[in-house]
Amino acid sequence: MIDRESLEIRLNGWVQEYGGGRYENIGYPSSNILKTLIDHEGFIPSSRGFVPIPIRSAADEVEAAVKEMEKSDWLRCARVLRSDYFLPNVPIEVRLRNLQREGVHLSRTSYYEHLAQAKAYLAGALMRGKAA
């Protein structure tokens, strides 16, 4: 089993690579379509652009596990995990409102229960990945 410290290190690496609004497809966009149109003077650039060779970093493993959570019955836990780590300085009330807009209605207590469940799921998923 992965200990808490190792899990936190993996999660912080995931946040550095996938967080901060740098990726549009993870539910926390950094800019809207209007800003893109203004920045590129009326046209939207191709989204294909440069396609890097997959490296399969530790952060990629965490992201893959979180995406699996989102595809299964663990959607609420995945959303709470993204909210907690991608918006670290945002008050809990704002996080709960953001989740409500996404259709995830939770109390403060339930939020932290889902966060603990998400971390447990993630620890298990990362261990299965190492065993393979």
C-alpha atoms as a PDB file:
ATOM      1  CA  MET A   1       0.000   0.000   0.000  1.00  0.00           C
ATOM      2  CA  ILE A   2       1.173   3.532  -0.721  1.00  0.00           C
ATOM      3  CA  ASP A   3       1.641   5.557   2.456  1.00  0.00           C
ATOM      4  CA  ARG A   4       0.087   9.000   2.895  1.00  0.00           C
ATOM      5  CA  GLU A   5       3.322  10.879   2.330  1.00  0.00           C
ATOM      6  CA  SER A   6       4.025   9.102  -0.964  1.00  0.00           C
ATOM      7  CA  LEU A   7       0.439   9.657  -2.091  1.00  0.00           C
ATOM      8  CA  GLU A   8       0.659  13.379  -1.295  1.00  0.00           C
ATOM      9  CA  ILE A   9       3.911  13.624  -3.261  1.00  0.00           C
ATOM     10  CA  ARG A  10       2.217  11.959  -6.246  1.00  0.00           C
ATOM     11  CA  LEU A  11      -0.827  14.231  -5.941  1.00  0.00           C
ATOM     12  CA  ASN A  12       1.323  17.357  -5.743  1.00  0.00           C
ATOM     13  CA  GLY A  13       3.216  16.262  -8.864  1.00  0.00           C
ATOM     14  CA  TRP A  14      -0.141  15.719 -10.577  1.00  0.00           C
ATOM     15  CA  VAL A  15      -1.241  19.239  -9.626  1.00  0.00           C
ATOM     16  CA  GLN A  16       1.986  20.731 -10.972  1.00  0.00           C
ATOM     17  CA  GLU A  17       1.567  18.964 -14.291  1.00  0.00           C
ATOM     18  CA  TYR A  18      -2.217  19.014 -14.777  1.00  0.00           C
ATOM     19  CA  GLY A  19      -3.468  21.806 -12.516  1.00  0.00           C
ATOM     20  CA  GLY A  20      -3.483  25.556 -12.761  1.00  0.00           C
ATOM     21  CA  GLY A  21      -5.961  25.788 -15.642  1.00  0.00           C
ATOM     22  CA  ARG A  22      -3.331  24.836 -18.213  1.00  0.00           C
ATOM     23  CA  TYR A  23      -5.495  22.089 -19.659  1.00  0.00           C
ATOM     24  CA  GLU A  24      -8.922  22.855 -21.051  1.00  0.00           C
ATOM     25  CA  ASN A  25     -10.356  19.323 -20.938  1.00  0.00           C
ATOM     26  CA  ILE A  26     -10.232  18.625 -17.204  1.00  0.00           C
ATOM     27  CA  GLY A  27     -13.188  20.683 -16.053  1.00  0.00           C
ATOM     28  CA  TYR A  28     -11.438  23.856 -14.928  1.00  0.00           C
ATOM     29  CA  PRO A  29     -10.851  25.944 -18.109  1.00  0.00           C
ATOM     30  CA  SER A  30      -8.339  28.798 -18.079  1.00  0.00           C
ATOM     31  CA  SER A  31     -10.080  30.872 -20.765  1.00  0.00           C
ATOM     32  CA  ASN A  32     -13.364  30.881 -22.594  1.00  0.00           C
ATOM     33  CA  ILE A  33     -14.063  30.765 -26.329  1.00  0.00           C
ATOM     34  CA  LEU A  34     -14.507  34.542 -26.594  1.00  0.00           C
ATOM     35  CA  LYS A  35     -11.039  35.185 -25.162  1.00  0.00           C
ATOM     36  CA  THR A  36      -9.563  32.661 -27.594  1.00  0.00           C
ATOM     37  CA  LEU A  37     -11.256  34.429 -30.513  1.00  0.00           C
ATOM     38  CA  ILE A  38      -9.920  37.799 -29.369  1.00  0.00           C
ATOM     39  CA  ASP A  39      -6.401  36.472 -28.790  1.00  0.00           C
ATOM     40  CA  HIS A  40      -6.268  34.882 -32.260  1.00  0.00           C
ATOM     41  CA  GLU A  41      -8.049  37.697 -34.091  1.00  0.00           C
ATOM     42  CA  GLY A  42     -11.245  35.911 -35.009  1.00  0.00           C
ATOM     43  CA  PHE A  43     -10.303  32.325 -35.656  1.00  0.00           C
ATOM     44  CA  ILE A  44      -9.747  29.374 -33.385  1.00  0.00           C
ATOM     45  CA  PRO A  45      -6.415  27.648 -33.957  1.00  0.00           C
ATOM     46  CA  SER A  46      -6.353  23.941 -34.605  1.00  0.00           C
ATOM     47  CA  SER A  47      -6.432  21.949 -31.417  1.00  0.00           C
ATOM     48  CA  ARG A  48      -4.174  19.262 -32.882  1.00  0.00           C
ATOM     49  CA  GLY A  49      -0.987  21.345 -32.895  1.00  0.00           C
ATOM     50  CA  PHE A  50       2.086  19.653 -31.475  1.00  0.00           C
ATOM     51  CA  VAL A  51       1.369  16.132 -30.257  1.00  0.00           C
ATOM     52  CA  PRO A  52       4.124  15.034 -27.888  1.00  0.00           C
ATOM     53  CA  ILE A  53       5.244  11.456 -27.471  1.00  0.00           C
ATOM     54  CA  PRO A  54       3.572  10.044 -24.351  1.00  0.00           C
ATOM     55  CA  ILE A  55       6.032   9.797 -21.496  1.00  0.00           C
ATOM     56  CA  ARG A  56       3.778   8.148 -18.907  1.00  0.00           C
ATOM     57  CA  SER A  57       4.997  10.199 -15.991  1.00  0.00           C
ATOM     58  CA  ALA A  58       3.849   9.667 -12.428  1.00  0.00           C
ATOM     59  CA  ALA A  59       1.382  12.529 -12.933  1.00  0.00           C
ATOM     60  CA  ASP A  60       0.000  10.766 -16.016  1.00  0.00           C
ATOM     61  CA  GLU A  61      -0.685   7.676 -13.897  1.00  0.00           C
ATOM     62  CA  VAL A  62      -2.598   9.775 -11.367  1.00  0.00           C
ATOM     63  CA  GLU A  63      -4.574  11.526 -14.117  1.00  0.00           C
ATOM     64  CA  ALA A  64      -5.450   8.175 -15.702  1.00  0.00           C
ATOM     65  CA  ALA A  65      -6.692   6.869 -12.353  1.00  0.00           C
ATOM     66  CA  VAL A  66      -8.778  10.009 -11.779  1.00  0.00           C
ATOM     67  CA  LYS A  67     -10.277   9.710 -15.260  1.00  0.00           C
ATOM     68  CA  GLU A  68     -11.191   6.083 -14.493  1.00  0.00           C
ATOM     69  CA  MET A  69     -12.883   7.303 -11.325  1.00  0.00           C
ATOM     70  CA  GLU A  70     -14.867   9.802 -13.410  1.00  0.00           C
ATOM     71  CA  LYS A  71     -16.004   7.086 -15.838  1.00  0.00           C
ATOM     72  CA  SER A  72     -17.226   4.808 -13.058  1.00  0.00           C
ATOM     73  CA  ASP A  73     -19.407   5.204  -9.987  1.00  0.00           C
ATOM     74  CA  TRP A  74     -16.680   7.312  -8.357  1.00  0.00           C
ATOM     75  CA  LEU A  75     -17.476  10.540 -10.269  1.00  0.00           C
ATOM     76  CA  ARG A  76     -18.246  12.546  -7.113  1.00  0.00           C
ATOM     77  CA  CYS A  77     -14.983  11.482  -5.500  1.00  0.00           C
ATOM     78  CA  ALA A  78     -13.002  12.408  -8.600  1.00  0.00           C
ATOM     79  CA  ARG A  79     -14.640  15.844  -8.784  1.00  0.00           C
ATOM     80  CA  VAL A  80     -13.934  16.467  -5.112  1.00  0.00           C
ATOM     81  CA  LEU A  81     -10.300  15.410  -5.573  1.00  0.00           C
ATOM     82  CA  ARG A  82      -9.857  17.778  -8.536  1.00  0.00           C
ATOM     83  CA  SER A  83     -11.566  20.576  -6.641  1.00  0.00           C
ATOM     84  CA  ASP A  84      -9.458  20.092  -3.535  1.00  0.00           C
ATOM     85  CA  TYR A  85      -6.107  19.902  -5.312  1.00  0.00           C
ATOM     86  CA  PHE A  86      -6.641  22.178  -8.310  1.00  0.00           C
ATOM     87  CA  LEU A  87      -8.199  24.977  -6.229  1.00  0.00           C
ATOM     88  CA  PRO A  88      -6.107  24.809  -3.037  1.00  0.00           C
ATOM     89  CA  ASN A  89      -6.583  28.402  -1.857  1.00  0.00           C
ATOM     90  CA  VAL A  90     -10.317  28.586  -2.502  1.00  0.00           C
ATOM     91  CA  PRO A  91     -12.630  28.490   0.548  1.00  0.00           C
ATOM     92  CA  ILE A  92     -14.657  25.320   1.019  1.00  0.00           C
ATOM     93  CA  GLU A  93     -17.922  27.214   0.475  1.00  0.00           C
ATOM     94  CA  VAL A  94     -16.788  28.230  -3.015  1.00  0.00           C
ATOM     95  CA  ARG A  95     -15.669  24.683  -3.803  1.00  0.00           C
ATOM     96  CA  LEU A  96     -19.068  23.356  -2.742  1.00  0.00           C
ATOM     97  CA  ARG A  97     -20.825  25.941  -4.971  1.00  0.00           C
ATOM     98  CA  ASN A  98     -18.576  25.021  -7.917  1.00  0.00           C
ATOM     99  CA  LEU A  99     -19.377  21.355  -7.418  1.00  0.00           C
ATOM    100  CA  GLN A 100     -23.095  22.133  -7.212  1.00  0.00           C
ATOM    101  CA  ARG A 101     -22.872  23.832 -10.617  1.00  0.00           C
ATOM    102  CA  GLU A 102     -21.428  20.564 -11.932  1.00  0.00           C
ATOM    103  CA  GLY A 103     -24.341  18.630 -10.421  1.00  0.00           C
ATOM    104  CA  VAL A 104     -22.453  17.338  -7.374  1.00  0.00           C
ATOM    105  CA  HIS A 105     -24.407  18.366  -4.273  1.00  0.00           C
ATOM    106  CA  LEU A 106     -22.482  17.725  -1.054  1.00  0.00           C
ATOM    107  CA  SER A 107     -22.356  18.960   2.512  1.00  0.00           C
ATOM    108  CA  ARG A 108     -19.027  19.985   4.030  1.00  0.00           C
ATOM    109  CA  THR A 109     -18.813  16.661   5.902  1.00  0.00           C
ATOM    110  CA  SER A 110     -19.672  14.680   2.797  1.00  0.00           C
ATOM    111  CA  TYR A 111     -17.021  16.621   0.840  1.00  0.00           C
ATOM    112  CA  TYR A 112     -14.275  15.454   3.180  1.00  0.00           C
ATOM    113  CA  GLU A 113     -15.631  11.888   3.224  1.00  0.00           C
ATOM    114  CA  HIS A 114     -15.533  11.813  -0.589  1.00  0.00           C
ATOM    115  CA  LEU A 115     -12.000  13.246  -0.532  1.00  0.00           C
ATOM    116  CA  ALA A 116     -10.831  10.458   1.792  1.00  0.00           C
ATOM    117  CA  GLN A 117     -12.523   7.842  -0.411  1.00  0.00           C
ATOM    118  CA  ALA A 118     -10.903   9.331  -3.522  1.00  0.00           C
ATOM    119  CA  LYS A 119      -7.464   9.138  -1.931  1.00  0.00           C
ATOM    120  CA  ALA A 120      -8.043   5.531  -0.882  1.00  0.00           C
ATOM    121  CA  TYR A 121      -9.210   4.623  -4.400  1.00  0.00           C
ATOM    122  CA  LEU A 122      -6.203   6.399  -5.889  1.00  0.00           C
ATOM    123  CA  ALA A 123      -3.758   4.652  -3.561  1.00  0.00           C
ATOM    124  CA  GLY A 124      -5.189   1.295  -4.605  1.00  0.00           C
ATOM    125  CA  ALA A 125      -5.158   2.177  -8.294  1.00  0.00           C
ATOM    126  CA  LEU A 126      -1.537   3.309  -8.133  1.00  0.00           C
ATOM    127  CA  MET A 127      -0.546   0.105  -6.344  1.00  0.00           C
ATOM    128  CA  ARG A 128      -2.292  -2.000  -9.013  1.00  0.00           C
ATOM    129  CA  GLY A 129      -0.370  -0.031 -11.632  1.00  0.00           C
ATOM    130  CA  LYS A 130       2.951  -0.832  -9.955  1.00  0.00           C
ATOM    131  CA  ALA A 131       2.109  -4.515  -9.684  1.00  0.00           C
ATOM    132  CA  ALA A 132       1.387  -4.714 -13.417  1.00  0.00           C
END
